[in-house]
C-alpha cells in the first residue's frame, strides 16, 4: 500500500502521455480500431490512467493473495 501511494504521486496523465509518445509509431502497428496513431496513443493514456485510478483494487488483491500463501 505504501508503494502504491508513492507511485500514484509520480504518475499522472502527463507522465503517461510522455511515455506513450516515446513509443515509435512503427511499434504501435496498423491498428484498425482507431482513426490514427494519435487516437491510439490517446486510448493507451486513458487505459493507463484508469488503471492508476483503480490501483488500490490490484494492491488489495495482491495483499490478500500473499496472505493466503503465508
PDB file of N, CA and C in Angstrom:
ATOM      1  N   UNK A   1       0.801  -1.222   0.000  1.00  0.00           N
ATOM      2  CA  UNK A   1       0.000   0.000   0.000  1.00  0.00           C
ATOM      3  C   UNK A   1       0.838   1.278   0.000  1.00  0.00           C
ATOM      4  N   UNK A   2       1.980   1.258   0.710  1.00  0.00           N
ATOM      5  CA  UNK A   2       2.820   2.459   0.746  1.00  0.00           C
ATOM      6  C   UNK A   2       3.429   2.733  -0.624  1.00  0.00           C
ATOM      7  N   UNK A   3       3.861   1.680  -1.294  1.00  0.00           N
ATOM      8  CA  UNK A   3       4.454   1.837  -2.621  1.00  0.00           C
ATOM      9  C   UNK A   3       3.416   2.354  -3.606  1.00  0.00           C
ATOM     10  N   UNK A   4       2.200   1.861  -3.492  1.00  0.00           N
ATOM     11  CA  UNK A   4       1.111   2.333  -4.351  1.00  0.00           C
ATOM     12  C   UNK A   4       0.938   3.837  -4.181  1.00  0.00           C
ATOM     13  N   UNK A   5       0.883   4.292  -2.955  1.00  0.00           N
ATOM     14  CA  UNK A   5       0.713   5.721  -2.687  1.00  0.00           C
ATOM     15  C   UNK A   5       1.893   6.525  -3.222  1.00  0.00           C
ATOM     16  N   UNK A   6       3.095   5.986  -3.054  1.00  0.00           N
ATOM     17  CA  UNK A   6       4.298   6.680  -3.519  1.00  0.00           C
ATOM     18  C   UNK A   6       4.261   6.875  -5.034  1.00  0.00           C
ATOM     19  N   UNK A   7       3.956   5.818  -5.762  1.00  0.00           N
ATOM     20  CA  UNK A   7       3.982   5.913  -7.215  1.00  0.00           C
ATOM     21  C   UNK A   7       2.760   6.629  -7.783  1.00  0.00           C
ATOM     22  N   UNK A   8       1.651   6.600  -7.067  1.00  0.00           N
ATOM     23  CA  UNK A   8       0.486   7.357  -7.521  1.00  0.00           C
ATOM     24  C   UNK A   8       0.841   8.845  -7.609  1.00  0.00           C
ATOM     25  N   UNK A   9       1.698   9.299  -6.713  1.00  0.00           N
ATOM     26  CA  UNK A   9       2.113  10.692  -6.724  1.00  0.00           C
ATOM     27  C   UNK A   9       3.066  11.032  -7.854  1.00  0.00           C
ATOM     28  N   UNK A  10       3.675  10.019  -8.443  1.00  0.00           N
ATOM     29  CA  UNK A  10       4.634  10.248  -9.522  1.00  0.00           C
ATOM     30  C   UNK A  10       4.034  10.039 -10.910  1.00  0.00           C
ATOM     31  N   UNK A  11       2.872   9.424 -10.959  1.00  0.00           N
ATOM     32  CA  UNK A  11       2.248   9.116 -12.240  1.00  0.00           C
ATOM     33  C   UNK A  11       0.992   9.956 -12.431  1.00  0.00           C
ATOM     34  N   UNK A  12       0.835  10.486 -13.625  1.00  0.00           N
ATOM     35  CA  UNK A  12      -0.365  11.236 -13.979  1.00  0.00           C
ATOM     36  C   UNK A  12      -0.511  11.198 -15.499  1.00  0.00           C
ATOM     37  N   UNK A  13      -1.544  11.843 -16.012  1.00  0.00           N
ATOM     38  CA  UNK A  13      -1.780  11.817 -17.459  1.00  0.00           C
ATOM     39  C   UNK A  13      -0.593  12.361 -18.248  1.00  0.00           C
ATOM     40  N   UNK A  14       0.032  13.407 -17.733  1.00  0.00           N
ATOM     41  CA  UNK A  14       1.178  13.993 -18.435  1.00  0.00           C
ATOM     42  C   UNK A  14       2.337  13.004 -18.516  1.00  0.00           C
ATOM     43  N   UNK A  15       2.595  12.280 -17.435  1.00  0.00           N
ATOM     44  CA  UNK A  15       3.670  11.284 -17.436  1.00  0.00           C
ATOM     45  C   UNK A  15       3.332  10.148 -18.389  1.00  0.00           C
ATOM     46  N   UNK A  16       2.084   9.682 -18.337  1.00  0.00           N
ATOM     47  CA  UNK A  16       1.665   8.621 -19.255  1.00  0.00           C
ATOM     48  C   UNK A  16       1.779   9.085 -20.704  1.00  0.00           C
ATOM     49  N   UNK A  17       1.384  10.318 -20.979  1.00  0.00           N
ATOM     50  CA  UNK A  17       1.469  10.863 -22.342  1.00  0.00           C
ATOM     51  C   UNK A  17       2.917  10.872 -22.810  1.00  0.00           C
ATOM     52  N   UNK A  18       3.823  11.283 -21.945  1.00  0.00           N
ATOM     53  CA  UNK A  18       5.244  11.315 -22.285  1.00  0.00           C
ATOM     54  C   UNK A  18       5.759   9.919 -22.620  1.00  0.00           C
ATOM     55  N   UNK A  19       5.371   8.946 -21.824  1.00  0.00           N
ATOM     56  CA  UNK A  19       5.806   7.564 -22.046  1.00  0.00           C
ATOM     57  C   UNK A  19       5.230   7.030 -23.357  1.00  0.00           C
ATOM     58  N   UNK A  20       3.937   7.221 -23.554  1.00  0.00           N
ATOM     59  CA  UNK A  20       3.277   6.710 -24.763  1.00  0.00           C
ATOM     60  C   UNK A  20       3.828   7.397 -26.012  1.00  0.00           C
ATOM     61  N   UNK A  21       4.111   8.679 -25.928  1.00  0.00           N
ATOM     62  CA  UNK A  21       4.663   9.393 -27.079  1.00  0.00           C
ATOM     63  C   UNK A  21       6.076   8.940 -27.421  1.00  0.00           C
ATOM     64  N   UNK A  22       6.776   8.349 -26.462  1.00  0.00           N
ATOM     65  CA  UNK A  22       8.134   7.858 -26.711  1.00  0.00           C
ATOM     66  C   UNK A  22       8.140   6.542 -27.492  1.00  0.00           C
ATOM     67  N   UNK A  23       6.999   5.883 -27.576  1.00  0.00           N
ATOM     68  CA  UNK A  23       6.902   4.623 -28.320  1.00  0.00           C
ATOM     69  C   UNK A  23       6.854   4.954 -29.811  1.00  0.00           C
ATOM     70  N   UNK A  24       7.777   4.408 -30.595  1.00  0.00           N
ATOM     71  CA  UNK A  24       7.770   4.681 -32.037  1.00  0.00           C
ATOM     72  C   UNK A  24       6.453   4.229 -32.684  1.00  0.00           C
ATOM     73  N   UNK A  25       5.964   5.005 -33.629  1.00  0.00           N
ATOM     74  CA  UNK A  25       4.709   4.679 -34.312  1.00  0.00           C
ATOM     75  C   UNK A  25       4.761   3.290 -34.937  1.00  0.00           C
ATOM     76  N   UNK A  26       5.920   2.889 -35.427  1.00  0.00           N
ATOM     77  CA  UNK A  26       6.059   1.567 -36.048  1.00  0.00           C
ATOM     78  C   UNK A  26       5.757   0.453 -35.051  1.00  0.00           C
ATOM     79  N   UNK A  27       6.043   0.675 -33.784  1.00  0.00           N
ATOM     80  CA  UNK A  27       5.778  -0.338 -32.756  1.00  0.00           C
ATOM     81  C   UNK A  27       4.289  -0.464 -32.454  1.00  0.00           C
ATOM     82  N   UNK A  28       3.536   0.564 -32.759  1.00  0.00           N
ATOM     83  CA  UNK A  28       2.103   0.533 -32.489  1.00  0.00           C
ATOM     84  C   UNK A  28       1.349  -0.290 -33.529  1.00  0.00           C
ATOM     85  N   UNK A  29       1.975  -0.501 -34.667  1.00  0.00           N
ATOM     86  CA  UNK A  29       1.378  -1.341 -35.697  1.00  0.00           C
ATOM     87  C   UNK A  29       0.231  -0.663 -36.426  1.00  0.00           C
ATOM     88  N   UNK A  30      -0.401  -1.442 -37.255  1.00  0.00           N
ATOM     89  CA  UNK A  30      -1.532  -0.966 -38.049  1.00  0.00           C
ATOM     90  C   UNK A  30      -2.829  -1.287 -37.321  1.00  0.00           C
ATOM     91  N   UNK A  31      -3.186  -0.469 -36.385  1.00  0.00           N
ATOM     92  CA  UNK A  31      -4.398  -0.672 -35.588  1.00  0.00           C
ATOM     93  C   UNK A  31      -5.595  -0.115 -36.351  1.00  0.00           C
ATOM     94  N   UNK A  32      -6.586  -0.950 -36.601  1.00  0.00           N
ATOM     95  CA  UNK A  32      -7.740  -0.520 -37.391  1.00  0.00           C
ATOM     96  C   UNK A  32      -8.907  -0.012 -36.542  1.00  0.00           C
ATOM     97  N   UNK A  33      -8.836  -0.167 -35.241  1.00  0.00           N
ATOM     98  CA  UNK A  33      -9.928   0.286 -34.380  1.00  0.00           C
ATOM     99  C   UNK A  33      -9.901   1.790 -34.117  1.00  0.00           C
ATOM    100  N   UNK A  34      -8.798   2.431 -34.465  1.00  0.00           N
ATOM    101  CA  UNK A  34      -8.637   3.853 -34.185  1.00  0.00           C
ATOM    102  C   UNK A  34      -8.397   4.616 -35.482  1.00  0.00           C
ATOM    103  N   UNK A  35      -8.822   5.863 -35.504  1.00  0.00           N
ATOM    104  CA  UNK A  35      -8.718   6.683 -36.708  1.00  0.00           C
ATOM    105  C   UNK A  35      -7.275   6.903 -37.145  1.00  0.00           C
ATOM    106  N   UNK A  36      -6.390   7.058 -36.168  1.00  0.00           N
ATOM    107  CA  UNK A  36      -4.983   7.297 -36.483  1.00  0.00           C
ATOM    108  C   UNK A  36      -4.126   6.954 -35.271  1.00  0.00           C
ATOM    109  N   UNK A  37      -2.830   7.128 -35.422  1.00  0.00           N
ATOM    110  CA  UNK A  37      -1.889   6.797 -34.354  1.00  0.00           C
ATOM    111  C   UNK A  37      -2.142   7.639 -33.110  1.00  0.00           C
ATOM    112  N   UNK A  38      -2.505   8.897 -33.291  1.00  0.00           N
ATOM    113  CA  UNK A  38      -2.752   9.770 -32.136  1.00  0.00           C
ATOM    114  C   UNK A  38      -3.953   9.279 -31.329  1.00  0.00           C
ATOM    115  N   UNK A  39      -4.975   8.803 -32.002  1.00  0.00           N
ATOM    116  CA  UNK A  39      -6.148   8.262 -31.305  1.00  0.00           C
ATOM    117  C   UNK A  39      -5.770   7.007 -30.528  1.00  0.00           C
ATOM    118  N   UNK A  40      -4.888   6.200 -31.098  1.00  0.00           N
ATOM    119  CA  UNK A  40      -4.410   5.004 -30.402  1.00  0.00           C
ATOM    120  C   UNK A  40      -3.603   5.402 -29.169  1.00  0.00           C
ATOM    121  N   UNK A  41      -2.747   6.391 -29.315  1.00  0.00           N
ATOM    122  CA  UNK A  41      -1.973   6.878 -28.164  1.00  0.00           C
ATOM    123  C   UNK A  41      -2.915   7.410 -27.073  1.00  0.00           C
ATOM    124  N   UNK A  42      -3.945   8.134 -27.483  1.00  0.00           N
ATOM    125  CA  UNK A  42      -4.934   8.641 -26.520  1.00  0.00           C
ATOM    126  C   UNK A  42      -5.586   7.492 -25.760  1.00  0.00           C
ATOM    127  N   UNK A  43      -5.882   6.411 -26.468  1.00  0.00           N
ATOM    128  CA  UNK A  43      -6.506   5.244 -25.831  1.00  0.00           C
ATOM    129  C   UNK A  43      -5.567   4.613 -24.809  1.00  0.00           C
ATOM    130  N   UNK A  44      -4.280   4.531 -25.138  1.00  0.00           N
ATOM    131  CA  UNK A  44      -3.313   3.983 -24.182  1.00  0.00           C
ATOM    132  C   UNK A  44      -3.226   4.859 -22.932  1.00  0.00           C
ATOM    133  N   UNK A  45      -3.194   6.170 -23.113  1.00  0.00           N
ATOM    134  CA  UNK A  45      -3.132   7.084 -21.967  1.00  0.00           C
ATOM    135  C   UNK A  45      -4.382   6.923 -21.107  1.00  0.00           C
ATOM    136  N   UNK A  46      -5.539   6.835 -21.731  1.00  0.00           N
ATOM    137  CA  UNK A  46      -6.789   6.652 -20.981  1.00  0.00           C
ATOM    138  C   UNK A  46      -6.772   5.335 -20.219  1.00  0.00           C
ATOM    139  N   UNK A  47      -6.284   4.279 -20.857  1.00  0.00           N
ATOM    140  CA  UNK A  47      -6.212   2.961 -20.210  1.00  0.00           C
ATOM    141  C   UNK A  47      -5.293   3.005 -18.989  1.00  0.00           C
ATOM    142  N   UNK A  48      -4.109   3.571 -19.159  1.00  0.00           N
ATOM    143  CA  UNK A  48      -3.158   3.640 -18.050  1.00  0.00           C
ATOM    144  C   UNK A  48      -3.690   4.515 -16.915  1.00  0.00           C
ATOM    145  N   UNK A  49      -4.346   5.600 -17.255  1.00  0.00           N
ATOM    146  CA  UNK A  49      -4.923   6.481 -16.236  1.00  0.00           C
ATOM    147  C   UNK A  49      -6.018   5.769 -15.457  1.00  0.00           C
ATOM    148  N   UNK A  50      -6.827   4.991 -16.159  1.00  0.00           N
ATOM    149  CA  UNK A  50      -7.894   4.229 -15.497  1.00  0.00           C
ATOM    150  C   UNK A  50      -7.302   3.177 -14.564  1.00  0.00           C
ATOM    151  N   UNK A  51      -6.250   2.511 -15.013  1.00  0.00           N
ATOM    152  CA  UNK A  51      -5.586   1.512 -14.165  1.00  0.00           C
ATOM    153  C   UNK A  51      -5.022   2.173 -12.910  1.00  0.00           C
ATOM    154  N   UNK A  52      -4.414   3.328 -13.075  1.00  0.00           N
ATOM    155  CA  UNK A  52      -3.866   4.043 -11.922  1.00  0.00           C
ATOM    156  C   UNK A  52      -4.977   4.448 -10.956  1.00  0.00           C
ATOM    157  N   UNK A  53      -6.085   4.912 -11.493  1.00  0.00           N
ATOM    158  CA  UNK A  53      -7.203   5.336 -10.646  1.00  0.00           C
ATOM    159  C   UNK A  53      -7.752   4.179  -9.818  1.00  0.00           C
ATOM    160  N   UNK A  54      -7.565   2.960 -10.305  1.00  0.00           N
ATOM    161  CA  UNK A  54      -8.076   1.776  -9.613  1.00  0.00           C
ATOM    162  C   UNK A  54      -6.963   0.900  -9.047  1.00  0.00           C
ATOM    163  N   UNK A  55      -5.803   1.469  -8.838  1.00  0.00           N
ATOM    164  CA  UNK A  55      -4.660   0.670  -8.377  1.00  0.00           C
ATOM    165  C   UNK A  55      -4.895   0.040  -7.011  1.00  0.00           C
ATOM    166  N   UNK A  56      -5.709   0.661  -6.181  1.00  0.00           N
ATOM    167  CA  UNK A  56      -5.957   0.073  -4.860  1.00  0.00           C
ATOM    168  C   UNK A  56      -6.608  -1.301  -4.977  1.00  0.00           C
ATOM    169  N   UNK A  57      -7.401  -1.516  -6.009  1.00  0.00           N
ATOM    170  CA  UNK A  57      -8.023  -2.827  -6.223  1.00  0.00           C
ATOM    171  C   UNK A  57      -6.944  -3.885  -6.432  1.00  0.00           C
ATOM    172  N   UNK A  58      -5.953  -3.573  -7.249  1.00  0.00           N
ATOM    173  CA  UNK A  58      -4.885  -4.522  -7.541  1.00  0.00           C
ATOM    174  C   UNK A  58      -4.002  -4.752  -6.317  1.00  0.00           C
ATOM    175  N   UNK A  59      -3.733  -3.676  -5.590  1.00  0.00           N
ATOM    176  CA  UNK A  59      -2.901  -3.785  -4.392  1.00  0.00           C
ATOM    177  C   UNK A  59      -3.600  -4.638  -3.340  1.00  0.00           C
ATOM    178  N   UNK A  60      -4.874  -4.381  -3.122  1.00  0.00           N
ATOM    179  CA  UNK A  60      -5.622  -5.169  -2.131  1.00  0.00           C
ATOM    180  C   UNK A  60      -5.644  -6.648  -2.502  1.00  0.00           C
ATOM    181  N   UNK A  61      -5.805  -6.952  -3.777  1.00  0.00           N
ATOM    182  CA  UNK A  61      -5.810  -8.350  -4.212  1.00  0.00           C
ATOM    183  C   UNK A  61      -4.436  -8.980  -4.020  1.00  0.00           C
ATOM    184  N   UNK A  62      -3.371  -8.243  -4.297  1.00  0.00           N
ATOM    185  CA  UNK A  62      -2.018  -8.762  -4.090  1.00  0.00           C
ATOM    186  C   UNK A  62      -1.761  -9.038  -2.611  1.00  0.00           C
ATOM    187  N   UNK A  63      -2.192  -8.146  -1.745  1.00  0.00           N
ATOM    188  CA  UNK A  63      -2.031  -8.332  -0.301  1.00  0.00           C
ATOM    189  C   UNK A  63      -2.819  -9.558   0.153  1.00  0.00           C
ATOM    190  N   UNK A  64      -4.049  -9.697  -0.333  1.00  0.00           N
ATOM    191  CA  UNK A  64      -4.886 -10.844   0.024  1.00  0.00           C
ATOM    192  C   UNK A  64      -4.252 -12.154  -0.454  1.00  0.00           C
ATOM    193  N   UNK A  65      -3.776 -12.175  -1.686  1.00  0.00           N
ATOM    194  CA  UNK A  65      -3.161 -13.388  -2.231  1.00  0.00           C
ATOM    195  C   UNK A  65      -1.900 -13.754  -1.458  1.00  0.00           C
ATOM    196  N   UNK A  66      -1.129 -12.756  -1.091  1.00  0.00           N
ATOM    197  CA  UNK A  66       0.098 -13.023  -0.320  1.00  0.00           C
ATOM    198  C   UNK A  66      -0.245 -13.612   1.041  1.00  0.00           C
ATOM    199  N   UNK A  67      -1.276 -13.073   1.669  1.00  0.00           N
ATOM    200  CA  UNK A  67      -1.690 -13.567   2.985  1.00  0.00           C
ATOM    201  C   UNK A  67      -2.116 -15.032   2.917  1.00  0.00           C
ATOM    202  N   UNK A  68      -2.707 -15.437   1.823  1.00  0.00           N
ATOM    203  CA  UNK A  68      -3.117 -16.834   1.660  1.00  0.00           C
ATOM    204  C   UNK A  68      -1.917 -17.772   1.542  1.00  0.00           C
ATOM    205  N   UNK A  69      -0.812 -17.249   1.027  1.00  0.00           N
ATOM    206  CA  UNK A  69       0.391 -18.067   0.847  1.00  0.00           C
ATOM    207  C   UNK A  69       1.200 -18.213   2.124  1.00  0.00           C
ATOM    208  N   UNK A  70       1.021 -17.303   3.048  1.00  0.00           N
ATOM    209  CA  UNK A  70       1.821 -17.320   4.277  1.00  0.00           C
ATOM    210  C   UNK A  70       1.159 -18.096   5.379  1.00  0.00           C
TER     211      UNK A  70
END
